[in-house]
Amino acid sequence: MPDLFGPGVLPPGVAPKVRKGDVRAAALALLAEGPRNGYQIIQEIAERSHGLWRPSPGSVYPALQQLEDEGLVRAKEEAGRRTYQLTDEGRAHVAAHEEALAEPWAAVAESVSEEVVDLRALFVRLAMALRQVAQAGTPDQHQRAGRILADARRSLYRLLAEDPGEGE
């Protein structure tokens, strides 16, 4: 579950479509660009998908282990971290499957509508403002912020209760 204020936040029930094998494809595509550790792979996927897809370590590290078992990547310890790079066999595999491995993060990002991406950006800005009120606000401001949020929640439910053609 992503941090409420973190980069992977989408409205509940709205998730990008990540297919089986997307983590593997993304890891291979990124390693074709150069060596990376697992954390860098996670960060790069999140960045390239505009924050919509942030695979968990529980999906990235098993994929890397599988790629290593298949002889497509090799890991080496570097500054206390395991860094992965393609083997010769891995480079040949990427070259042979270039089209299938092309930017899997783009397909994931495109599975979420532009409107939802805009809602996510608004939600993140709202969360940042709420965090500042919680940290720097007075007790009175905390209560007022709670009322504002409760009103916003009720308004959103009223929106869902409307006839879909009403707002147009």
N, C-alpha and C. Protein backbone atom coordinates (compact mmCIF):
# COMPACT_ATOMS: atom_id res chain seq x y z
N MET A 1 0.85 -1.18 0.00
CA MET A 1 0.00 0.00 0.00
C MET A 1 0.89 1.23 0.00
N PRO A 2 0.70 2.14 -0.94
CA PRO A 2 1.56 3.32 -0.98
C PRO A 2 1.28 4.26 0.18
N ASP A 3 2.28 5.05 0.55
CA ASP A 3 2.14 6.09 1.55
C ASP A 3 1.07 7.07 1.08
N LEU A 4 0.20 7.51 1.98
CA LEU A 4 -0.89 8.41 1.61
C LEU A 4 -0.40 9.65 0.89
N PHE A 5 0.76 10.14 1.28
CA PHE A 5 1.28 11.36 0.68
C PHE A 5 2.36 11.07 -0.36
N GLY A 6 2.57 9.81 -0.71
CA GLY A 6 3.66 9.43 -1.59
C GLY A 6 3.30 9.48 -3.06
N PRO A 7 4.27 9.12 -3.92
CA PRO A 7 4.09 9.25 -5.36
C PRO A 7 3.16 8.23 -5.99
N GLY A 8 2.81 7.16 -5.29
CA GLY A 8 2.00 6.13 -5.91
C GLY A 8 0.52 6.25 -5.65
N VAL A 9 0.06 7.39 -5.17
CA VAL A 9 -1.32 7.55 -4.75
C VAL A 9 -2.26 7.71 -5.95
N LEU A 10 -3.27 6.89 -5.98
CA LEU A 10 -4.39 7.04 -6.91
C LEU A 10 -5.65 6.97 -6.09
N PRO A 11 -6.74 7.53 -6.59
CA PRO A 11 -7.99 7.38 -5.86
C PRO A 11 -8.28 5.89 -5.65
N PRO A 12 -8.87 5.53 -4.51
CA PRO A 12 -9.17 4.12 -4.23
C PRO A 12 -9.97 3.49 -5.36
N GLY A 13 -9.64 2.25 -5.66
CA GLY A 13 -10.36 1.52 -6.70
C GLY A 13 -9.90 1.84 -8.11
N VAL A 14 -8.97 2.79 -8.24
CA VAL A 14 -8.46 3.16 -9.56
C VAL A 14 -6.98 2.79 -9.57
N ALA A 15 -6.67 1.77 -10.29
CA ALA A 15 -5.29 1.32 -10.33
C ALA A 15 -4.86 1.13 -11.78
N PRO A 16 -3.59 1.40 -12.05
CA PRO A 16 -3.11 1.14 -13.41
C PRO A 16 -3.15 -0.36 -13.68
N LYS A 17 -3.29 -0.69 -14.94
CA LYS A 17 -3.35 -2.10 -15.34
C LYS A 17 -1.93 -2.62 -15.54
N VAL A 18 -1.47 -3.38 -14.58
CA VAL A 18 -0.15 -3.99 -14.66
C VAL A 18 -0.36 -5.45 -15.00
N ARG A 19 0.16 -5.85 -16.13
CA ARG A 19 0.00 -7.24 -16.57
C ARG A 19 1.11 -8.10 -16.00
N LYS A 20 0.83 -9.38 -15.96
CA LYS A 20 1.84 -10.33 -15.54
C LYS A 20 3.02 -10.19 -16.50
N GLY A 21 4.20 -10.07 -15.97
CA GLY A 21 5.39 -9.93 -16.80
C GLY A 21 5.84 -8.49 -17.01
N ASP A 22 5.01 -7.51 -16.61
CA ASP A 22 5.41 -6.12 -16.81
C ASP A 22 6.64 -5.75 -15.96
N VAL A 23 6.71 -6.25 -14.73
CA VAL A 23 7.86 -5.95 -13.88
C VAL A 23 9.12 -6.53 -14.52
N ARG A 24 9.02 -7.75 -14.99
CA ARG A 24 10.15 -8.41 -15.65
C ARG A 24 10.58 -7.61 -16.89
N ALA A 25 9.61 -7.22 -17.72
CA ALA A 25 9.92 -6.47 -18.93
C ALA A 25 10.56 -5.12 -18.58
N ALA A 26 10.02 -4.46 -17.57
CA ALA A 26 10.57 -3.16 -17.18
C ALA A 26 11.99 -3.31 -16.66
N ALA A 27 12.24 -4.33 -15.87
CA ALA A 27 13.59 -4.56 -15.35
C ALA A 27 14.57 -4.81 -16.49
N LEU A 28 14.18 -5.64 -17.43
CA LEU A 28 15.07 -5.91 -18.58
C LEU A 28 15.31 -4.65 -19.40
N ALA A 29 14.27 -3.88 -19.64
CA ALA A 29 14.41 -2.65 -20.44
C ALA A 29 15.34 -1.67 -19.74
N LEU A 30 15.20 -1.53 -18.44
CA LEU A 30 16.06 -0.59 -17.70
C LEU A 30 17.49 -1.09 -17.61
N LEU A 31 17.66 -2.40 -17.40
CA LEU A 31 19.01 -2.94 -17.32
C LEU A 31 19.72 -2.89 -18.68
N ALA A 32 18.93 -2.84 -19.76
CA ALA A 32 19.54 -2.69 -21.08
C ALA A 32 20.20 -1.31 -21.20
N GLU A 33 19.73 -0.35 -20.42
CA GLU A 33 20.31 0.99 -20.41
C GLU A 33 21.55 1.08 -19.53
N GLY A 34 21.67 0.16 -18.58
CA GLY A 34 22.83 0.16 -17.70
C GLY A 34 22.52 -0.52 -16.39
N PRO A 35 23.56 -0.84 -15.62
CA PRO A 35 23.38 -1.53 -14.33
C PRO A 35 22.55 -0.69 -13.36
N ARG A 36 21.77 -1.38 -12.55
CA ARG A 36 20.95 -0.73 -11.53
C ARG A 36 20.74 -1.69 -10.37
N ASN A 37 20.45 -1.13 -9.21
CA ASN A 37 20.03 -1.99 -8.11
C ASN A 37 18.50 -2.02 -8.10
N GLY A 38 17.94 -2.86 -7.27
CA GLY A 38 16.49 -3.02 -7.25
C GLY A 38 15.76 -1.72 -6.91
N TYR A 39 16.29 -0.98 -5.96
CA TYR A 39 15.66 0.29 -5.57
C TYR A 39 15.65 1.26 -6.75
N GLN A 40 16.75 1.32 -7.49
CA GLN A 40 16.80 2.21 -8.66
C GLN A 40 15.80 1.79 -9.72
N ILE A 41 15.58 0.50 -9.87
CA ILE A 41 14.58 0.01 -10.83
C ILE A 41 13.19 0.46 -10.40
N ILE A 42 12.87 0.32 -9.13
CA ILE A 42 11.58 0.76 -8.60
C ILE A 42 11.39 2.26 -8.85
N GLN A 43 12.40 3.04 -8.50
CA GLN A 43 12.33 4.50 -8.65
C GLN A 43 12.17 4.90 -10.12
N GLU A 44 12.90 4.25 -10.99
CA GLU A 44 12.86 4.60 -12.41
C GLU A 44 11.51 4.26 -13.03
N ILE A 45 10.94 3.12 -12.65
CA ILE A 45 9.60 2.76 -13.15
C ILE A 45 8.59 3.79 -12.68
N ALA A 46 8.66 4.17 -11.41
CA ALA A 46 7.73 5.17 -10.88
C ALA A 46 7.87 6.50 -11.61
N GLU A 47 9.10 6.90 -11.85
CA GLU A 47 9.34 8.18 -12.54
C GLU A 47 8.83 8.13 -13.98
N ARG A 48 9.13 7.06 -14.68
CA ARG A 48 8.75 6.98 -16.09
C ARG A 48 7.26 6.77 -16.30
N SER A 49 6.56 6.29 -15.27
CA SER A 49 5.10 6.13 -15.37
C SER A 49 4.39 7.32 -14.73
N HIS A 50 5.13 8.38 -14.47
CA HIS A 50 4.59 9.61 -13.87
C HIS A 50 3.96 9.33 -12.51
N GLY A 51 4.56 8.41 -11.77
CA GLY A 51 4.10 8.10 -10.43
C GLY A 51 2.90 7.19 -10.35
N LEU A 52 2.42 6.71 -11.49
CA LEU A 52 1.23 5.87 -11.49
C LEU A 52 1.54 4.41 -11.17
N TRP A 53 2.74 3.97 -11.44
CA TRP A 53 3.11 2.58 -11.18
C TRP A 53 4.39 2.58 -10.38
N ARG A 54 4.29 2.11 -9.16
CA ARG A 54 5.45 1.97 -8.30
C ARG A 54 5.45 0.53 -7.79
N PRO A 55 6.14 -0.34 -8.53
CA PRO A 55 6.12 -1.74 -8.12
C PRO A 55 6.76 -1.91 -6.74
N SER A 56 6.27 -2.88 -6.02
CA SER A 56 6.78 -3.13 -4.67
C SER A 56 8.08 -3.93 -4.75
N PRO A 57 8.91 -3.83 -3.70
CA PRO A 57 10.09 -4.68 -3.65
C PRO A 57 9.73 -6.16 -3.75
N GLY A 58 8.53 -6.51 -3.24
CA GLY A 58 8.07 -7.90 -3.29
C GLY A 58 7.76 -8.39 -4.69
N SER A 59 7.68 -7.48 -5.66
CA SER A 59 7.50 -7.92 -7.04
C SER A 59 8.79 -7.75 -7.84
N VAL A 60 9.60 -6.75 -7.51
CA VAL A 60 10.82 -6.48 -8.27
C VAL A 60 11.92 -7.49 -7.95
N TYR A 61 12.17 -7.72 -6.67
CA TYR A 61 13.30 -8.60 -6.32
C TYR A 61 13.09 -10.05 -6.75
N PRO A 62 11.89 -10.62 -6.63
CA PRO A 62 11.70 -11.97 -7.19
C PRO A 62 11.88 -12.01 -8.70
N ALA A 63 11.44 -10.95 -9.40
CA ALA A 63 11.64 -10.90 -10.86
C ALA A 63 13.13 -10.87 -11.18
N LEU A 64 13.88 -10.08 -10.42
CA LEU A 64 15.34 -10.02 -10.65
C LEU A 64 15.99 -11.37 -10.36
N GLN A 65 15.52 -12.04 -9.30
CA GLN A 65 16.06 -13.36 -8.97
C GLN A 65 15.75 -14.35 -10.08
N GLN A 66 14.55 -14.29 -10.63
CA GLN A 66 14.18 -15.18 -11.73
C GLN A 66 15.06 -14.91 -12.95
N LEU A 67 15.27 -13.63 -13.27
CA LEU A 67 16.13 -13.28 -14.41
C LEU A 67 17.55 -13.76 -14.19
N GLU A 68 18.00 -13.69 -12.94
CA GLU A 68 19.34 -14.19 -12.62
C GLU A 68 19.39 -15.71 -12.78
N ASP A 69 18.36 -16.40 -12.30
CA ASP A 69 18.30 -17.86 -12.44
C ASP A 69 18.29 -18.30 -13.90
N GLU A 70 17.68 -17.46 -14.77
CA GLU A 70 17.63 -17.77 -16.20
C GLU A 70 18.91 -17.38 -16.92
N GLY A 71 19.82 -16.75 -16.22
CA GLY A 71 21.08 -16.36 -16.84
C GLY A 71 21.00 -15.07 -17.65
N LEU A 72 19.91 -14.33 -17.50
CA LEU A 72 19.76 -13.09 -18.28
C LEU A 72 20.40 -11.89 -17.58
N VAL A 73 20.49 -11.94 -16.27
CA VAL A 73 21.16 -10.87 -15.51
C VAL A 73 22.15 -11.51 -14.54
N ARG A 74 23.07 -10.68 -14.12
CA ARG A 74 24.03 -11.11 -13.10
C ARG A 74 24.05 -10.01 -12.05
N ALA A 75 24.16 -10.44 -10.80
CA ALA A 75 24.21 -9.50 -9.69
C ALA A 75 25.62 -9.46 -9.13
N LYS A 76 26.02 -8.27 -8.69
CA LYS A 76 27.29 -8.17 -7.98
C LYS A 76 27.12 -7.18 -6.84
N GLU A 77 27.83 -7.44 -5.76
CA GLU A 77 27.78 -6.56 -4.60
C GLU A 77 28.62 -5.34 -4.90
N GLU A 78 28.04 -4.18 -4.65
CA GLU A 78 28.73 -2.93 -4.92
C GLU A 78 28.30 -1.93 -3.85
N ALA A 79 29.24 -1.50 -3.02
CA ALA A 79 28.96 -0.53 -1.96
C ALA A 79 27.81 -1.00 -1.07
N GLY A 80 27.79 -2.29 -0.76
CA GLY A 80 26.76 -2.84 0.11
C GLY A 80 25.42 -3.08 -0.55
N ARG A 81 25.34 -2.90 -1.86
CA ARG A 81 24.09 -3.13 -2.59
C ARG A 81 24.34 -4.12 -3.72
N ARG A 82 23.29 -4.86 -4.01
CA ARG A 82 23.36 -5.76 -5.16
C ARG A 82 22.99 -4.97 -6.40
N THR A 83 23.91 -4.89 -7.32
CA THR A 83 23.67 -4.21 -8.59
C THR A 83 23.50 -5.28 -9.66
N TYR A 84 22.50 -5.09 -10.50
CA TYR A 84 22.19 -6.06 -11.54
C TYR A 84 22.58 -5.48 -12.90
N GLN A 85 23.07 -6.36 -13.77
CA GLN A 85 23.37 -5.97 -15.14
C GLN A 85 23.07 -7.14 -16.06
N LEU A 86 22.80 -6.82 -17.31
CA LEU A 86 22.51 -7.88 -18.27
C LEU A 86 23.77 -8.69 -18.56
N THR A 87 23.57 -9.97 -18.78
CA THR A 87 24.64 -10.83 -19.26
C THR A 87 24.62 -10.74 -20.79
N ASP A 88 25.56 -11.40 -21.45
CA ASP A 88 25.54 -11.44 -22.91
C ASP A 88 24.23 -12.09 -23.39
N GLU A 89 23.82 -13.15 -22.70
CA GLU A 89 22.57 -13.81 -23.05
C GLU A 89 21.38 -12.87 -22.82
N GLY A 90 21.44 -12.06 -21.78
CA GLY A 90 20.40 -11.08 -21.50
C GLY A 90 20.31 -10.02 -22.57
N ARG A 91 21.47 -9.53 -23.03
CA ARG A 91 21.48 -8.53 -24.11
C ARG A 91 20.88 -9.12 -25.39
N ALA A 92 21.22 -10.37 -25.67
CA ALA A 92 20.66 -11.03 -26.86
C ALA A 92 19.15 -11.19 -26.72
N HIS A 93 18.69 -11.54 -25.52
CA HIS A 93 17.25 -11.70 -25.26
C HIS A 93 16.53 -10.36 -25.46
N VAL A 94 17.08 -9.28 -24.92
CA VAL A 94 16.46 -7.95 -25.07
C VAL A 94 16.42 -7.56 -26.54
N ALA A 95 17.50 -7.81 -27.27
CA ALA A 95 17.53 -7.46 -28.70
C ALA A 95 16.50 -8.27 -29.49
N ALA A 96 16.33 -9.54 -29.12
CA ALA A 96 15.38 -10.40 -29.83
C ALA A 96 13.92 -10.07 -29.49
N HIS A 97 13.71 -9.43 -28.35
CA HIS A 97 12.34 -9.12 -27.90
C HIS A 97 12.16 -7.61 -27.71
N GLU A 98 12.84 -6.85 -28.54
CA GLU A 98 12.86 -5.39 -28.41
C GLU A 98 11.46 -4.78 -28.38
N GLU A 99 10.60 -5.22 -29.26
CA GLU A 99 9.25 -4.64 -29.34
C GLU A 99 8.44 -4.97 -28.08
N ALA A 100 8.51 -6.20 -27.62
CA ALA A 100 7.74 -6.62 -26.44
C ALA A 100 8.24 -5.94 -25.17
N LEU A 101 9.51 -5.55 -25.15
CA LEU A 101 10.10 -4.95 -23.95
C LEU A 101 10.12 -3.42 -24.00
N ALA A 102 9.57 -2.83 -25.03
CA ALA A 102 9.62 -1.37 -25.19
C ALA A 102 8.70 -0.68 -24.19
N GLU A 103 9.28 0.06 -23.31
CA GLU A 103 8.58 0.93 -22.37
C GLU A 103 7.31 0.35 -21.75
N PRO A 104 7.40 -0.72 -20.98
CA PRO A 104 6.20 -1.28 -20.35
C PRO A 104 5.52 -0.29 -19.41
N TRP A 105 6.25 0.66 -18.86
CA TRP A 105 5.67 1.67 -17.96
C TRP A 105 4.71 2.58 -18.72
N ALA A 106 4.94 2.78 -20.01
CA ALA A 106 4.05 3.64 -20.80
C ALA A 106 2.67 3.00 -20.92
N ALA A 107 2.62 1.71 -21.18
CA ALA A 107 1.33 1.02 -21.29
C ALA A 107 0.59 1.05 -19.97
N VAL A 108 1.31 0.92 -18.87
CA VAL A 108 0.67 0.98 -17.56
C VAL A 108 0.12 2.38 -17.32
N ALA A 109 0.91 3.40 -17.60
CA ALA A 109 0.47 4.78 -17.39
C ALA A 109 -0.73 5.12 -18.28
N GLU A 110 -0.74 4.60 -19.50
CA GLU A 110 -1.85 4.88 -20.42
C GLU A 110 -3.14 4.17 -20.03
N SER A 111 -3.05 3.21 -19.10
CA SER A 111 -4.25 2.48 -18.68
C SER A 111 -5.11 3.29 -17.71
N VAL A 112 -4.62 4.46 -17.31
CA VAL A 112 -5.35 5.33 -16.39
C VAL A 112 -5.70 6.60 -17.16
N SER A 113 -6.96 7.02 -17.09
CA SER A 113 -7.41 8.18 -17.87
C SER A 113 -6.72 9.46 -17.41
N GLU A 114 -6.67 10.41 -18.32
CA GLU A 114 -6.06 11.72 -18.02
C GLU A 114 -6.81 12.41 -16.89
N GLU A 115 -8.13 12.23 -16.84
CA GLU A 115 -8.92 12.83 -15.78
C GLU A 115 -8.53 12.29 -14.41
N VAL A 116 -8.27 10.99 -14.35
CA VAL A 116 -7.86 10.38 -13.08
C VAL A 116 -6.46 10.86 -12.71
N VAL A 117 -5.60 11.03 -13.69
CA VAL A 117 -4.26 11.57 -13.41
C VAL A 117 -4.39 12.98 -12.83
N ASP A 118 -5.29 13.78 -13.40
CA ASP A 118 -5.51 15.13 -12.89
C ASP A 118 -6.08 15.09 -11.47
N LEU A 119 -7.02 14.16 -11.21
CA LEU A 119 -7.56 14.01 -9.85
C LEU A 119 -6.46 13.63 -8.87
N ARG A 120 -5.57 12.75 -9.30
CA ARG A 120 -4.46 12.34 -8.44
C ARG A 120 -3.60 13.54 -8.08
N ALA A 121 -3.29 14.39 -9.07
CA ALA A 121 -2.46 15.56 -8.81
C ALA A 121 -3.15 16.50 -7.82
N LEU A 122 -4.46 16.69 -7.98
CA LEU A 122 -5.20 17.53 -7.04
C LEU A 122 -5.21 16.92 -5.65
N PHE A 123 -5.37 15.60 -5.58
CA PHE A 123 -5.37 14.91 -4.29
C PHE A 123 -4.02 15.08 -3.59
N VAL A 124 -2.95 14.96 -4.34
CA VAL A 124 -1.61 15.11 -3.75
C VAL A 124 -1.43 16.52 -3.21
N ARG A 125 -1.89 17.54 -3.98
CA ARG A 125 -1.77 18.92 -3.51
C ARG A 125 -2.62 19.15 -2.26
N LEU A 126 -3.82 18.56 -2.23
CA LEU A 126 -4.68 18.66 -1.06
C LEU A 126 -4.00 18.00 0.15
N ALA A 127 -3.41 16.84 -0.07
CA ALA A 127 -2.74 16.14 1.02
C ALA A 127 -1.56 16.96 1.56
N MET A 128 -0.85 17.63 0.67
CA MET A 128 0.27 18.48 1.12
C MET A 128 -0.25 19.64 1.97
N ALA A 129 -1.36 20.25 1.55
CA ALA A 129 -1.93 21.35 2.32
C ALA A 129 -2.42 20.85 3.68
N LEU A 130 -3.06 19.68 3.69
CA LEU A 130 -3.54 19.10 4.95
C LEU A 130 -2.37 18.81 5.88
N ARG A 131 -1.30 18.30 5.34
CA ARG A 131 -0.13 18.01 6.16
C ARG A 131 0.39 19.30 6.81
N GLN A 132 0.43 20.39 6.05
CA GLN A 132 0.91 21.66 6.60
C GLN A 132 -0.03 22.17 7.69
N VAL A 133 -1.34 22.05 7.48
CA VAL A 133 -2.29 22.47 8.52
C VAL A 133 -2.10 21.62 9.77
N ALA A 134 -1.93 20.31 9.59
CA ALA A 134 -1.74 19.41 10.73
C ALA A 134 -0.47 19.75 11.50
N GLN A 135 0.58 20.14 10.79
CA GLN A 135 1.86 20.42 11.44
C GLN A 135 1.92 21.82 12.05
N ALA A 136 1.38 22.81 11.35
CA ALA A 136 1.58 24.20 11.76
C ALA A 136 0.31 24.89 12.24
N GLY A 137 -0.84 24.27 12.06
CA GLY A 137 -2.10 24.93 12.40
C GLY A 137 -2.39 24.92 13.88
N THR A 138 -3.30 25.79 14.25
CA THR A 138 -3.77 25.86 15.64
C THR A 138 -4.87 24.82 15.83
N PRO A 139 -5.23 24.54 17.08
CA PRO A 139 -6.35 23.61 17.30
C PRO A 139 -7.63 24.06 16.58
N ASP A 140 -7.90 25.36 16.55
CA ASP A 140 -9.08 25.86 15.83
C ASP A 140 -8.96 25.57 14.33
N GLN A 141 -7.78 25.77 13.76
CA GLN A 141 -7.57 25.49 12.33
C GLN A 141 -7.71 24.00 12.04
N HIS A 142 -7.28 23.15 12.97
CA HIS A 142 -7.44 21.70 12.80
C HIS A 142 -8.92 21.36 12.72
N GLN A 143 -9.74 21.94 13.61
CA GLN A 143 -11.18 21.67 13.59
C GLN A 143 -11.82 22.18 12.31
N ARG A 144 -11.44 23.37 11.89
CA ARG A 144 -12.00 23.93 10.66
C ARG A 144 -11.59 23.09 9.45
N ALA A 145 -10.34 22.63 9.42
CA ALA A 145 -9.89 21.76 8.33
C ALA A 145 -10.70 20.47 8.31
N GLY A 146 -11.00 19.92 9.48
CA GLY A 146 -11.82 18.71 9.55
C GLY A 146 -13.20 18.93 8.96
N ARG A 147 -13.79 20.09 9.25
CA ARG A 147 -15.11 20.41 8.69
C ARG A 147 -15.03 20.56 7.16
N ILE A 148 -13.98 21.21 6.68
CA ILE A 148 -13.80 21.37 5.22
C ILE A 148 -13.70 20.01 4.55
N LEU A 149 -12.90 19.11 5.14
CA LEU A 149 -12.74 17.78 4.56
C LEU A 149 -14.05 16.99 4.60
N ALA A 150 -14.77 17.09 5.71
CA ALA A 150 -16.06 16.38 5.81
C ALA A 150 -17.03 16.92 4.77
N ASP A 151 -17.05 18.24 4.57
CA ASP A 151 -17.93 18.83 3.55
C ASP A 151 -17.52 18.34 2.15
N ALA A 152 -16.23 18.29 1.89
CA ALA A 152 -15.76 17.83 0.58
C ALA A 152 -16.16 16.37 0.35
N ARG A 153 -16.03 15.55 1.38
CA ARG A 153 -16.41 14.13 1.25
C ARG A 153 -17.89 14.02 0.93
N ARG A 154 -18.73 14.77 1.65
CA ARG A 154 -20.18 14.73 1.38
C ARG A 154 -20.48 15.21 -0.04
N SER A 155 -19.80 16.25 -0.46
CA SER A 155 -20.01 16.78 -1.82
C SER A 155 -19.65 15.75 -2.88
N LEU A 156 -18.58 15.01 -2.65
CA LEU A 156 -18.19 13.97 -3.61
C LEU A 156 -19.23 12.86 -3.68
N TYR A 157 -19.78 12.47 -2.54
CA TYR A 157 -20.82 11.45 -2.56
C TYR A 157 -22.08 11.97 -3.24
N ARG A 158 -22.41 13.25 -3.04
CA ARG A 158 -23.56 13.83 -3.74
C ARG A 158 -23.32 13.80 -5.25
N LEU A 159 -22.08 14.08 -5.65
CA LEU A 159 -21.73 14.04 -7.07
C LEU A 159 -22.00 12.65 -7.65
N LEU A 160 -21.63 11.62 -6.92
CA LEU A 160 -21.86 10.25 -7.40
C LEU A 160 -23.35 9.92 -7.44
N ALA A 161 -24.13 10.55 -6.59
CA ALA A 161 -25.56 10.27 -6.54
C ALA A 161 -26.33 10.97 -7.65
N GLU A 162 -25.70 11.94 -8.32
CA GLU A 162 -26.35 12.67 -9.40
C GLU A 162 -26.57 11.76 -10.61
N ASP A 163 -27.53 12.16 -11.41
CA ASP A 163 -27.74 11.54 -12.71
C ASP A 163 -26.50 11.89 -13.55
N PRO A 164 -25.86 10.92 -14.21
CA PRO A 164 -24.64 11.20 -14.97
C PRO A 164 -24.76 12.36 -15.97
N GLY A 165 -25.92 12.63 -16.48
CA GLY A 165 -26.10 13.70 -17.45
C GLY A 165 -26.34 15.05 -16.82
N GLU A 166 -26.55 15.13 -15.51
CA GLU A 166 -26.89 16.39 -14.83
C GLU A 166 -25.81 17.45 -14.93
N GLY A 167 -24.54 17.04 -14.77
CA GLY A 167 -23.45 18.02 -14.70
C GLY A 167 -23.04 18.58 -16.03
N GLU A 168 -23.60 18.10 -17.12
CA GLU A 168 -23.16 18.54 -18.45
C GLU A 168 -24.00 19.65 -18.99
